[in-house]
């Protein structure tokens, strides 16, 4: 019997060409620009939510400046999607880079962490 995870990974490799590459900013943006509620758009929403909720107000010991602090009233995914899209339109980052990095930089740009008082 084939292992279901291997079959899934192979299937994704067939669809996206390779499973060794990161989820790029280019792929994220193409999905984010799809009509709301479509599967690609919902994948972009889910990925964004995962990045934001796992990194919000988190500081790394080695890299304390890699932090953002999005206030609760700004945490609606629709709002965050527009922030990321605006950042991409205004700053023209390398969309071949991993989507998580582009998202974090865009959110850091909009909601930088403040020093603890």
PDB file of N, CA and C in Angstrom:
ATOM      1  N   UNK A   1       0.844  -1.196   0.000  1.00  0.00           N
ATOM      2  CA  UNK A   1       0.000   0.000   0.000  1.00  0.00           C
ATOM      3  C   UNK A   1       0.881   1.248   0.000  1.00  0.00           C
ATOM      4  N   UNK A   2       0.533   2.210  -0.809  1.00  0.00           N
ATOM      5  CA  UNK A   2       1.292   3.453  -0.883  1.00  0.00           C
ATOM      6  C   UNK A   2       1.002   4.294   0.346  1.00  0.00           C
ATOM      7  N   UNK A   3       2.030   4.998   0.776  1.00  0.00           N
ATOM      8  CA  UNK A   3       1.883   5.897   1.918  1.00  0.00           C
ATOM      9  C   UNK A   3       1.117   7.140   1.467  1.00  0.00           C
ATOM     10  N   UNK A   4       0.008   7.534   2.143  1.00  0.00           N
ATOM     11  CA  UNK A   4      -0.827   8.646   1.665  1.00  0.00           C
ATOM     12  C   UNK A   4      -0.089   9.979   1.607  1.00  0.00           C
ATOM     13  N   UNK A   5       0.845  10.227   2.525  1.00  0.00           N
ATOM     14  CA  UNK A   5       1.582  11.496   2.503  1.00  0.00           C
ATOM     15  C   UNK A   5       2.476  11.559   1.270  1.00  0.00           C
ATOM     16  N   UNK A   6       3.134  10.458   0.935  1.00  0.00           N
ATOM     17  CA  UNK A   6       3.989  10.440  -0.255  1.00  0.00           C
ATOM     18  C   UNK A   6       3.168  10.658  -1.522  1.00  0.00           C
ATOM     19  N   UNK A   7       1.999  10.074  -1.560  1.00  0.00           N
ATOM     20  CA  UNK A   7       1.127  10.266  -2.714  1.00  0.00           C
ATOM     21  C   UNK A   7       0.720  11.731  -2.812  1.00  0.00           C
ATOM     22  N   UNK A   8       0.366  12.358  -1.688  1.00  0.00           N
ATOM     23  CA  UNK A   8      -0.014  13.764  -1.672  1.00  0.00           C
ATOM     24  C   UNK A   8       1.145  14.631  -2.135  1.00  0.00           C
ATOM     25  N   UNK A   9       2.337  14.392  -1.596  1.00  0.00           N
ATOM     26  CA  UNK A   9       3.500  15.184  -1.980  1.00  0.00           C
ATOM     27  C   UNK A   9       3.794  15.009  -3.461  1.00  0.00           C
ATOM     28  N   UNK A  10       3.718  13.786  -3.959  1.00  0.00           N
ATOM     29  CA  UNK A  10       3.943  13.555  -5.377  1.00  0.00           C
ATOM     30  C   UNK A  10       2.899  14.307  -6.196  1.00  0.00           C
ATOM     31  N   UNK A  11       1.662  14.280  -5.742  1.00  0.00           N
ATOM     32  CA  UNK A  11       0.600  14.999  -6.443  1.00  0.00           C
ATOM     33  C   UNK A  11       0.860  16.493  -6.477  1.00  0.00           C
ATOM     34  N   UNK A  12       1.322  17.053  -5.380  1.00  0.00           N
ATOM     35  CA  UNK A  12       1.658  18.478  -5.350  1.00  0.00           C
ATOM     36  C   UNK A  12       2.839  18.769  -6.258  1.00  0.00           C
ATOM     37  N   UNK A  13       3.811  17.862  -6.282  1.00  0.00           N
ATOM     38  CA  UNK A  13       4.971  18.035  -7.159  1.00  0.00           C
ATOM     39  C   UNK A  13       4.529  18.046  -8.610  1.00  0.00           C
ATOM     40  N   UNK A  14       3.550  17.224  -8.929  1.00  0.00           N
ATOM     41  CA  UNK A  14       3.048  17.178 -10.297  1.00  0.00           C
ATOM     42  C   UNK A  14       2.344  18.490 -10.647  1.00  0.00           C
ATOM     43  N   UNK A  15       1.562  19.013  -9.717  1.00  0.00           N
ATOM     44  CA  UNK A  15       0.828  20.249  -9.968  1.00  0.00           C
ATOM     45  C   UNK A  15       1.763  21.453 -10.013  1.00  0.00           C
ATOM     46  N   UNK A  16       2.681  21.565  -9.070  1.00  0.00           N
ATOM     47  CA  UNK A  16       3.523  22.746  -8.952  1.00  0.00           C
ATOM     48  C   UNK A  16       4.927  22.554  -9.508  1.00  0.00           C
ATOM     49  N   UNK A  17       5.237  21.427 -10.087  1.00  0.00           N
ATOM     50  CA  UNK A  17       6.535  21.233 -10.700  1.00  0.00           C
ATOM     51  C   UNK A  17       7.534  20.573  -9.783  1.00  0.00           C
ATOM     52  N   UNK A  18       7.642  21.036  -8.575  1.00  0.00           N
ATOM     53  CA  UNK A  18       8.554  20.443  -7.596  1.00  0.00           C
ATOM     54  C   UNK A  18       8.056  20.748  -6.202  1.00  0.00           C
ATOM     55  N   UNK A  19       8.300  19.860  -5.286  1.00  0.00           N
ATOM     56  CA  UNK A  19       7.882  20.118  -3.908  1.00  0.00           C
ATOM     57  C   UNK A  19       9.050  20.579  -3.064  1.00  0.00           C
ATOM     58  N   UNK A  20      10.229  20.765  -3.674  1.00  0.00           N
ATOM     59  CA  UNK A  20      11.396  21.215  -2.933  1.00  0.00           C
ATOM     60  C   UNK A  20      11.439  22.730  -2.808  1.00  0.00           C
ATOM     61  N   UNK A  21      10.702  23.438  -3.642  1.00  0.00           N
ATOM     62  CA  UNK A  21      10.741  24.892  -3.586  1.00  0.00           C
ATOM     63  C   UNK A  21       9.744  25.419  -2.563  1.00  0.00           C
ATOM     64  N   UNK A  22      10.027  26.610  -2.071  1.00  0.00           N
ATOM     65  CA  UNK A  22       9.170  27.238  -1.067  1.00  0.00           C
ATOM     66  C   UNK A  22       7.910  27.804  -1.736  1.00  0.00           C
ATOM     67  N   UNK A  23       6.915  28.041  -0.924  1.00  0.00           N
ATOM     68  CA  UNK A  23       5.696  28.719  -1.363  1.00  0.00           C
ATOM     69  C   UNK A  23       6.103  30.164  -1.631  1.00  0.00           C
ATOM     70  N   UNK A  24       6.198  30.533  -2.868  1.00  0.00           N
ATOM     71  CA  UNK A  24       6.754  31.836  -3.241  1.00  0.00           C
ATOM     72  C   UNK A  24       5.751  32.969  -3.091  1.00  0.00           C
ATOM     73  N   UNK A  25       6.288  34.166  -3.039  1.00  0.00           N
ATOM     74  CA  UNK A  25       5.449  35.355  -3.038  1.00  0.00           C
ATOM     75  C   UNK A  25       4.631  35.447  -4.311  1.00  0.00           C
ATOM     76  N   UNK A  26       5.218  35.001  -5.405  1.00  0.00           N
ATOM     77  CA  UNK A  26       4.531  34.997  -6.693  1.00  0.00           C
ATOM     78  C   UNK A  26       3.287  34.102  -6.652  1.00  0.00           C
ATOM     79  N   UNK A  27       3.443  32.910  -6.106  1.00  0.00           N
ATOM     80  CA  UNK A  27       2.303  31.998  -5.995  1.00  0.00           C
ATOM     81  C   UNK A  27       1.267  32.555  -5.024  1.00  0.00           C
ATOM     82  N   UNK A  28       1.733  33.079  -3.883  1.00  0.00           N
ATOM     83  CA  UNK A  28       0.795  33.655  -2.909  1.00  0.00           C
ATOM     84  C   UNK A  28      -0.020  34.771  -3.551  1.00  0.00           C
ATOM     85  N   UNK A  29       0.653  35.681  -4.252  1.00  0.00           N
ATOM     86  CA  UNK A  29      -0.045  36.818  -4.859  1.00  0.00           C
ATOM     87  C   UNK A  29      -1.025  36.357  -5.932  1.00  0.00           C
ATOM     88  N   UNK A  30      -0.630  35.372  -6.725  1.00  0.00           N
ATOM     89  CA  UNK A  30      -1.553  34.885  -7.758  1.00  0.00           C
ATOM     90  C   UNK A  30      -2.796  34.275  -7.119  1.00  0.00           C
ATOM     91  N   UNK A  31      -2.640  33.612  -5.993  1.00  0.00           N
ATOM     92  CA  UNK A  31      -3.794  33.050  -5.289  1.00  0.00           C
ATOM     93  C   UNK A  31      -4.594  34.140  -4.594  1.00  0.00           C
ATOM     94  N   UNK A  32      -3.923  35.103  -4.001  1.00  0.00           N
ATOM     95  CA  UNK A  32      -4.604  36.189  -3.298  1.00  0.00           C
ATOM     96  C   UNK A  32      -5.445  37.032  -4.247  1.00  0.00           C
ATOM     97  N   UNK A  33      -5.038  37.110  -5.493  1.00  0.00           N
ATOM     98  CA  UNK A  33      -5.767  37.911  -6.478  1.00  0.00           C
ATOM     99  C   UNK A  33      -6.947  37.179  -7.117  1.00  0.00           C
ATOM    100  N   UNK A  34      -7.164  35.941  -6.744  1.00  0.00           N
ATOM    101  CA  UNK A  34      -8.320  35.198  -7.255  1.00  0.00           C
ATOM    102  C   UNK A  34      -9.585  35.694  -6.545  1.00  0.00           C
ATOM    103  N   UNK A  35     -10.712  35.400  -7.131  1.00  0.00           N
ATOM    104  CA  UNK A  35     -11.996  35.814  -6.553  1.00  0.00           C
ATOM    105  C   UNK A  35     -12.135  35.273  -5.134  1.00  0.00           C
ATOM    106  N   UNK A  36     -12.639  36.112  -4.238  1.00  0.00           N
ATOM    107  CA  UNK A  36     -12.827  35.717  -2.838  1.00  0.00           C
ATOM    108  C   UNK A  36     -13.687  34.460  -2.752  1.00  0.00           C
ATOM    109  N   UNK A  37     -13.252  33.548  -1.908  1.00  0.00           N
ATOM    110  CA  UNK A  37     -14.006  32.328  -1.670  1.00  0.00           C
ATOM    111  C   UNK A  37     -13.584  31.165  -2.542  1.00  0.00           C
ATOM    112  N   UNK A  38     -12.790  31.427  -3.576  1.00  0.00           N
ATOM    113  CA  UNK A  38     -12.298  30.329  -4.405  1.00  0.00           C
ATOM    114  C   UNK A  38     -11.188  29.601  -3.644  1.00  0.00           C
ATOM    115  N   UNK A  39     -10.975  28.336  -3.952  1.00  0.00           N
ATOM    116  CA  UNK A  39      -9.925  27.596  -3.228  1.00  0.00           C
ATOM    117  C   UNK A  39      -8.547  28.268  -3.249  1.00  0.00           C
ATOM    118  N   UNK A  40      -8.067  28.791  -4.386  1.00  0.00           N
ATOM    119  CA  UNK A  40      -6.753  29.440  -4.335  1.00  0.00           C
ATOM    120  C   UNK A  40      -6.736  30.652  -3.403  1.00  0.00           C
ATOM    121  N   UNK A  41      -7.798  31.453  -3.451  1.00  0.00           N
ATOM    122  CA  UNK A  41      -7.870  32.632  -2.595  1.00  0.00           C
ATOM    123  C   UNK A  41      -7.901  32.237  -1.124  1.00  0.00           C
ATOM    124  N   UNK A  42      -8.619  31.181  -0.802  1.00  0.00           N
ATOM    125  CA  UNK A  42      -8.694  30.734   0.589  1.00  0.00           C
ATOM    126  C   UNK A  42      -7.347  30.165   1.060  1.00  0.00           C
ATOM    127  N   UNK A  43      -6.576  29.546   0.153  1.00  0.00           N
ATOM    128  CA  UNK A  43      -5.228  29.102   0.513  1.00  0.00           C
ATOM    129  C   UNK A  43      -4.352  30.291   0.871  1.00  0.00           C
ATOM    130  N   UNK A  44      -4.446  31.360   0.082  1.00  0.00           N
ATOM    131  CA  UNK A  44      -3.672  32.569   0.380  1.00  0.00           C
ATOM    132  C   UNK A  44      -4.090  33.165   1.719  1.00  0.00           C
ATOM    133  N   UNK A  45      -5.404  33.192   1.992  1.00  0.00           N
ATOM    134  CA  UNK A  45      -5.904  33.689   3.277  1.00  0.00           C
ATOM    135  C   UNK A  45      -5.342  32.855   4.430  1.00  0.00           C
ATOM    136  N   UNK A  46      -5.417  31.547   4.292  1.00  0.00           N
ATOM    137  CA  UNK A  46      -4.961  30.659   5.354  1.00  0.00           C
ATOM    138  C   UNK A  46      -3.474  30.773   5.608  1.00  0.00           C
ATOM    139  N   UNK A  47      -2.694  30.884   4.539  1.00  0.00           N
ATOM    140  CA  UNK A  47      -1.252  31.029   4.693  1.00  0.00           C
ATOM    141  C   UNK A  47      -0.929  32.332   5.409  1.00  0.00           C
ATOM    142  N   UNK A  48      -1.564  33.414   4.985  1.00  0.00           N
ATOM    143  CA  UNK A  48      -1.362  34.714   5.624  1.00  0.00           C
ATOM    144  C   UNK A  48      -1.733  34.656   7.105  1.00  0.00           C
ATOM    145  N   UNK A  49      -2.864  34.061   7.418  1.00  0.00           N
ATOM    146  CA  UNK A  49      -3.290  33.949   8.822  1.00  0.00           C
ATOM    147  C   UNK A  49      -2.261  33.179   9.641  1.00  0.00           C
ATOM    148  N   UNK A  50      -1.747  32.100   9.086  1.00  0.00           N
ATOM    149  CA  UNK A  50      -0.747  31.319   9.801  1.00  0.00           C
ATOM    150  C   UNK A  50       0.506  32.101  10.086  1.00  0.00           C
ATOM    151  N   UNK A  51       0.996  32.833   9.097  1.00  0.00           N
ATOM    152  CA  UNK A  51       2.215  33.636   9.285  1.00  0.00           C
ATOM    153  C   UNK A  51       1.970  34.723  10.323  1.00  0.00           C
ATOM    154  N   UNK A  52       0.890  35.463  10.169  1.00  0.00           N
ATOM    155  CA  UNK A  52       0.630  36.588  11.070  1.00  0.00           C
ATOM    156  C   UNK A  52       0.381  36.124  12.494  1.00  0.00           C
ATOM    157  N   UNK A  53      -0.453  35.132  12.673  1.00  0.00           N
ATOM    158  CA  UNK A  53      -0.785  34.702  14.028  1.00  0.00           C
ATOM    159  C   UNK A  53       0.395  34.026  14.716  1.00  0.00           C
ATOM    160  N   UNK A  54       1.285  33.403  13.964  1.00  0.00           N
ATOM    161  CA  UNK A  54       2.437  32.760  14.606  1.00  0.00           C
ATOM    162  C   UNK A  54       3.562  33.744  14.894  1.00  0.00           C
ATOM    163  N   UNK A  55       3.590  34.895  14.218  1.00  0.00           N
ATOM    164  CA  UNK A  55       4.689  35.846  14.415  1.00  0.00           C
ATOM    165  C   UNK A  55       4.282  37.126  15.120  1.00  0.00           C
ATOM    166  N   UNK A  56       3.010  37.424  15.261  1.00  0.00           N
ATOM    167  CA  UNK A  56       2.605  38.698  15.849  1.00  0.00           C
ATOM    168  C   UNK A  56       3.184  38.877  17.249  1.00  0.00           C
ATOM    169  N   UNK A  57       3.921  39.960  17.419  1.00  0.00           N
ATOM    170  CA  UNK A  57       4.536  40.354  18.694  1.00  0.00           C
ATOM    171  C   UNK A  57       5.558  39.332  19.205  1.00  0.00           C
ATOM    172  N   UNK A  58       6.090  38.530  18.309  1.00  0.00           N
ATOM    173  CA  UNK A  58       7.101  37.541  18.671  1.00  0.00           C
ATOM    174  C   UNK A  58       8.476  38.109  18.356  1.00  0.00           C
ATOM    175  N   UNK A  59       9.407  37.951  19.275  1.00  0.00           N
ATOM    176  CA  UNK A  59      10.776  38.407  19.054  1.00  0.00           C
ATOM    177  C   UNK A  59      11.721  37.227  19.161  1.00  0.00           C
ATOM    178  N   UNK A  60      12.608  37.151  18.208  1.00  0.00           N
ATOM    179  CA  UNK A  60      13.642  36.132  18.236  1.00  0.00           C
ATOM    180  C   UNK A  60      14.812  36.652  19.063  1.00  0.00           C
ATOM    181  N   UNK A  61      15.414  35.794  19.835  1.00  0.00           N
ATOM    182  CA  UNK A  61      16.559  36.201  20.645  1.00  0.00           C
ATOM    183  C   UNK A  61      17.698  36.684  19.758  1.00  0.00           C
ATOM    184  N   UNK A  62      17.965  35.947  18.693  1.00  0.00           N
ATOM    185  CA  UNK A  62      19.074  36.305  17.805  1.00  0.00           C
ATOM    186  C   UNK A  62      18.755  37.465  16.884  1.00  0.00           C
ATOM    187  N   UNK A  63      17.482  37.667  16.556  1.00  0.00           N
ATOM    188  CA  UNK A  63      17.082  38.718  15.618  1.00  0.00           C
ATOM    189  C   UNK A  63      15.894  39.503  16.186  1.00  0.00           C
ATOM    190  N   UNK A  64      16.117  40.297  17.234  1.00  0.00           N
ATOM    191  CA  UNK A  64      14.984  40.966  17.889  1.00  0.00           C
ATOM    192  C   UNK A  64      14.259  41.984  17.009  1.00  0.00           C
ATOM    193  N   UNK A  65      14.902  42.464  15.947  1.00  0.00           N
ATOM    194  CA  UNK A  65      14.233  43.432  15.072  1.00  0.00           C
ATOM    195  C   UNK A  65      13.269  42.777  14.084  1.00  0.00           C
ATOM    196  N   UNK A  66      13.335  41.445  13.962  1.00  0.00           N
ATOM    197  CA  UNK A  66      12.403  40.742  13.076  1.00  0.00           C
ATOM    198  C   UNK A  66      11.115  40.483  13.842  1.00  0.00           C
ATOM    199  N   UNK A  67      10.322  41.513  13.938  1.00  0.00           N
ATOM    200  CA  UNK A  67       9.122  41.460  14.773  1.00  0.00           C
ATOM    201  C   UNK A  67       8.088  42.423  14.212  1.00  0.00           C
ATOM    202  N   UNK A  68       6.834  42.091  14.399  1.00  0.00           N
ATOM    203  CA  UNK A  68       5.772  43.050  14.122  1.00  0.00           C
ATOM    204  C   UNK A  68       4.726  42.929  15.210  1.00  0.00           C
ATOM    205  N   UNK A  69       3.944  43.972  15.343  1.00  0.00           N
ATOM    206  CA  UNK A  69       2.934  44.025  16.389  1.00  0.00           C
ATOM    207  C   UNK A  69       1.648  44.595  15.793  1.00  0.00           C
ATOM    208  N   UNK A  70       0.884  43.725  15.154  1.00  0.00           N
ATOM    209  CA  UNK A  70      -0.389  44.145  14.569  1.00  0.00           C
ATOM    210  C   UNK A  70      -1.434  44.227  15.673  1.00  0.00           C
ATOM    211  N   UNK A  71      -2.049  45.386  15.856  1.00  0.00           N
ATOM    212  CA  UNK A  71      -3.067  45.516  16.901  1.00  0.00           C
ATOM    213  C   UNK A  71      -4.292  44.664  16.575  1.00  0.00           C
ATOM    214  N   UNK A  72      -4.996  44.217  17.614  1.00  0.00           N
ATOM    215  CA  UNK A  72      -6.150  43.337  17.411  1.00  0.00           C
ATOM    216  C   UNK A  72      -7.182  43.876  16.424  1.00  0.00           C
ATOM    217  N   UNK A  73      -7.413  45.188  16.429  1.00  0.00           N
ATOM    218  CA  UNK A  73      -8.428  45.735  15.520  1.00  0.00           C
ATOM    219  C   UNK A  73      -7.976  45.755  14.057  1.00  0.00           C
ATOM    220  N   UNK A  74      -6.707  45.430  13.804  1.00  0.00           N
ATOM    221  CA  UNK A  74      -6.182  45.374  12.446  1.00  0.00           C
ATOM    222  C   UNK A  74      -5.939  43.949  11.962  1.00  0.00           C
ATOM    223  N   UNK A  75      -6.309  42.953  12.763  1.00  0.00           N
ATOM    224  CA  UNK A  75      -5.977  41.568  12.469  1.00  0.00           C
ATOM    225  C   UNK A  75      -6.979  40.858  11.549  1.00  0.00           C
ATOM    226  N   UNK A  76      -7.922  41.579  10.970  1.00  0.00           N
ATOM    227  CA  UNK A  76      -8.828  40.947  10.026  1.00  0.00           C
ATOM    228  C   UNK A  76      -8.024  40.574   8.780  1.00  0.00           C
ATOM    229  N   UNK A  77      -8.205  39.344   8.311  1.00  0.00           N
ATOM    230  CA  UNK A  77      -7.422  38.856   7.182  1.00  0.00           C
ATOM    231  C   UNK A  77      -7.655  39.725   5.941  1.00  0.00           C
ATOM    232  N   UNK A  78      -8.860  40.187   5.717  1.00  0.00           N
ATOM    233  CA  UNK A  78      -9.131  41.049   4.554  1.00  0.00           C
ATOM    234  C   UNK A  78      -8.257  42.304   4.616  1.00  0.00           C
ATOM    235  N   UNK A  79      -8.153  42.907   5.781  1.00  0.00           N
ATOM    236  CA  UNK A  79      -7.313  44.084   5.973  1.00  0.00           C
ATOM    237  C   UNK A  79      -5.842  43.745   5.724  1.00  0.00           C
ATOM    238  N   UNK A  80      -5.386  42.629   6.290  1.00  0.00           N
ATOM    239  CA  UNK A  80      -3.990  42.231   6.135  1.00  0.00           C
ATOM    240  C   UNK A  80      -3.664  41.892   4.682  1.00  0.00           C
ATOM    241  N   UNK A  81      -4.604  41.293   3.960  1.00  0.00           N
ATOM    242  CA  UNK A  81      -4.389  40.988   2.542  1.00  0.00           C
ATOM    243  C   UNK A  81      -4.114  42.280   1.769  1.00  0.00           C
ATOM    244  N   UNK A  82      -4.883  43.315   2.050  1.00  0.00           N
ATOM    245  CA  UNK A  82      -4.690  44.585   1.350  1.00  0.00           C
ATOM    246  C   UNK A  82      -3.345  45.216   1.720  1.00  0.00           C
ATOM    247  N   UNK A  83      -2.939  45.086   2.967  1.00  0.00           N
ATOM    248  CA  UNK A  83      -1.639  45.618   3.393  1.00  0.00           C
ATOM    249  C   UNK A  83      -0.512  44.932   2.624  1.00  0.00           C
ATOM    250  N   UNK A  84      -0.590  43.615   2.489  1.00  0.00           N
ATOM    251  CA  UNK A  84       0.446  42.865   1.777  1.00  0.00           C
ATOM    252  C   UNK A  84       0.440  43.243   0.298  1.00  0.00           C
ATOM    253  N   UNK A  85      -0.730  43.293  -0.312  1.00  0.00           N
ATOM    254  CA  UNK A  85      -0.821  43.656  -1.729  1.00  0.00           C
ATOM    255  C   UNK A  85      -0.292  45.070  -1.970  1.00  0.00           C
ATOM    256  N   UNK A  86      -0.644  46.024  -1.092  1.00  0.00           N
ATOM    257  CA  UNK A  86      -0.135  47.388  -1.225  1.00  0.00           C
ATOM    258  C   UNK A  86       1.388  47.415  -1.116  1.00  0.00           C
ATOM    259  N   UNK A  87       1.922  46.664  -0.162  1.00  0.00           N
ATOM    260  CA  UNK A  87       3.383  46.593  -0.002  1.00  0.00           C
ATOM    261  C   UNK A  87       4.016  46.060  -1.287  1.00  0.00           C
ATOM    262  N   UNK A  88       3.462  44.998  -1.842  1.00  0.00           N
ATOM    263  CA  UNK A  88       4.013  44.413  -3.069  1.00  0.00           C
ATOM    264  C   UNK A  88       3.934  45.424  -4.213  1.00  0.00           C
ATOM    265  N   UNK A  89       2.814  46.117  -4.355  1.00  0.00           N
ATOM    266  CA  UNK A  89       2.661  47.107  -5.423  1.00  0.00           C
ATOM    267  C   UNK A  89       3.613  48.287  -5.267  1.00  0.00           C
ATOM    268  N   UNK A  90       3.816  48.740  -4.032  1.00  0.00           N
ATOM    269  CA  UNK A  90       4.644  49.918  -3.786  1.00  0.00           C
ATOM    270  C   UNK A  90       6.138  49.620  -3.729  1.00  0.00           C
ATOM    271  N   UNK A  91       6.517  48.468  -3.225  1.00  0.00           N
ATOM    272  CA  UNK A  91       7.934  48.159  -3.005  1.00  0.00           C
ATOM    273  C   UNK A  91       8.527  47.204  -4.022  1.00  0.00           C
ATOM    274  N   UNK A  92       7.690  46.508  -4.761  1.00  0.00           N
ATOM    275  CA  UNK A  92       8.131  45.580  -5.791  1.00  0.00           C
ATOM    276  C   UNK A  92       9.205  44.600  -5.300  1.00  0.00           C
ATOM    277  N   UNK A  93       8.903  43.821  -4.248  1.00  0.00           N
ATOM    278  CA  UNK A  93       9.891  42.857  -3.752  1.00  0.00           C
ATOM    279  C   UNK A  93      10.088  41.705  -4.739  1.00  0.00           C
ATOM    280  N   UNK A  94      11.138  40.954  -4.550  1.00  0.00           N
ATOM    281  CA  UNK A  94      11.407  39.776  -5.374  1.00  0.00           C
ATOM    282  C   UNK A  94      10.366  38.718  -5.032  1.00  0.00           C
ATOM    283  N   UNK A  95       9.419  38.509  -5.900  1.00  0.00           N
ATOM    284  CA  UNK A  95       8.324  37.573  -5.619  1.00  0.00           C
ATOM    285  C   UNK A  95       8.735  36.121  -5.758  1.00  0.00           C
ATOM    286  N   UNK A  96       9.965  35.872  -6.162  1.00  0.00           N
ATOM    287  CA  UNK A  96      10.484  34.500  -6.170  1.00  0.00           C
ATOM    288  C   UNK A  96      10.870  34.082  -4.748  1.00  0.00           C
ATOM    289  N   UNK A  97      10.998  35.046  -3.859  1.00  0.00           N
ATOM    290  CA  UNK A  97      11.332  34.786  -2.455  1.00  0.00           C
ATOM    291  C   UNK A  97      10.164  34.079  -1.776  1.00  0.00           C
ATOM    292  N   UNK A  98      10.438  33.380  -0.659  1.00  0.00           N
ATOM    293  CA  UNK A  98       9.345  32.724   0.072  1.00  0.00           C
ATOM    294  C   UNK A  98       8.272  33.722   0.513  1.00  0.00           C
ATOM    295  N   UNK A  99       7.030  33.326   0.362  1.00  0.00           N
ATOM    296  CA  UNK A  99       5.898  34.191   0.716  1.00  0.00           C
ATOM    297  C   UNK A  99       5.939  34.602   2.179  1.00  0.00           C
ATOM    298  N   UNK A 100       6.348  33.700   3.066  1.00  0.00           N
ATOM    299  CA  UNK A 100       6.348  34.063   4.485  1.00  0.00           C
ATOM    300  C   UNK A 100       7.269  35.246   4.750  1.00  0.00           C
ATOM    301  N   UNK A 101       8.400  35.318   4.074  1.00  0.00           N
ATOM    302  CA  UNK A 101       9.313  36.442   4.264  1.00  0.00           C
ATOM    303  C   UNK A 101       8.724  37.739   3.758  1.00  0.00           C
ATOM    304  N   UNK A 102       8.097  37.687   2.595  1.00  0.00           N
ATOM    305  CA  UNK A 102       7.473  38.889   2.040  1.00  0.00           C
ATOM    306  C   UNK A 102       6.358  39.373   2.951  1.00  0.00           C
ATOM    307  N   UNK A 103       5.562  38.453   3.441  1.00  0.00           N
ATOM    308  CA  UNK A 103       4.468  38.817   4.347  1.00  0.00           C
ATOM    309  C   UNK A 103       5.017  39.437   5.625  1.00  0.00           C
ATOM    310  N   UNK A 104       6.027  38.813   6.215  1.00  0.00           N
ATOM    311  CA  UNK A 104       6.577  39.349   7.470  1.00  0.00           C
ATOM    312  C   UNK A 104       7.173  40.734   7.264  1.00  0.00           C
ATOM    313  N   UNK A 105       7.905  40.942   6.187  1.00  0.00           N
ATOM    314  CA  UNK A 105       8.503  42.261   5.935  1.00  0.00           C
ATOM    315  C   UNK A 105       7.414  43.302   5.716  1.00  0.00           C
ATOM    316  N   UNK A 106       6.375  42.949   4.974  1.00  0.00           N
ATOM    317  CA  UNK A 106       5.275  43.887   4.735  1.00  0.00           C
ATOM    318  C   UNK A 106       4.583  44.268   6.044  1.00  0.00           C
ATOM    319  N   UNK A 107       4.332  43.285   6.889  1.00  0.00           N
ATOM    320  CA  UNK A 107       3.664  43.562   8.160  1.00  0.00           C
ATOM    321  C   UNK A 107       4.598  44.318   9.109  1.00  0.00           C
ATOM    322  N   UNK A 108       5.894  43.977   9.100  1.00  0.00           N
ATOM    323  CA  UNK A 108       6.865  44.718   9.924  1.00  0.00           C
ATOM    324  C   UNK A 108       6.902  46.178   9.489  1.00  0.00           C
ATOM    325  N   UNK A 109       6.809  46.403   8.187  1.00  0.00           N
ATOM    326  CA  UNK A 109       6.814  47.760   7.650  1.00  0.00           C
ATOM    327  C   UNK A 109       5.603  48.548   8.148  1.00  0.00           C
ATOM    328  N   UNK A 110       4.462  47.898   8.201  1.00  0.00           N
ATOM    329  CA  UNK A 110       3.218  48.563   8.602  1.00  0.00           C
ATOM    330  C   UNK A 110       3.045  48.632  10.126  1.00  0.00           C
ATOM    331  N   UNK A 111       3.419  47.562  10.830  1.00  0.00           N
ATOM    332  CA  UNK A 111       3.215  47.472  12.275  1.00  0.00           C
ATOM    333  C   UNK A 111       4.513  47.065  12.987  1.00  0.00           C
ATOM    334  N   UNK A 112       5.502  47.946  13.025  1.00  0.00           N
ATOM    335  CA  UNK A 112       6.765  47.556  13.675  1.00  0.00           C
ATOM    336  C   UNK A 112       6.556  47.314  15.173  1.00  0.00           C
ATOM    337  N   UNK A 113       7.385  46.438  15.730  1.00  0.00           N
ATOM    338  CA  UNK A 113       7.322  46.210  17.176  1.00  0.00           C
ATOM    339  C   UNK A 113       7.843  47.431  17.902  1.00  0.00           C
ATOM    340  N   UNK A 114       7.278  47.672  19.035  1.00  0.00           N
ATOM    341  CA  UNK A 114       7.729  48.772  19.874  1.00  0.00           C
ATOM    342  C   UNK A 114       8.597  48.200  20.987  1.00  0.00           C
ATOM    343  N   UNK A 115       9.489  49.014  21.436  1.00  0.00           N
ATOM    344  CA  UNK A 115      10.344  48.597  22.550  1.00  0.00           C
ATOM    345  C   UNK A 115       9.481  48.456  23.808  1.00  0.00           C
ATOM    346  N   UNK A 116       9.823  47.453  24.614  1.00  0.00           N
ATOM    347  CA  UNK A 116       9.099  47.267  25.875  1.00  0.00           C
ATOM    348  C   UNK A 116       9.399  48.429  26.802  1.00  0.00           C
ATOM    349  N   UNK A 117       8.377  48.891  27.532  1.00  0.00           N
ATOM    350  CA  UNK A 117       8.613  49.993  28.450  1.00  0.00           C
ATOM    351  C   UNK A 117       8.752  49.534  29.865  1.00  0.00           C
TER     352      UNK A 117
END
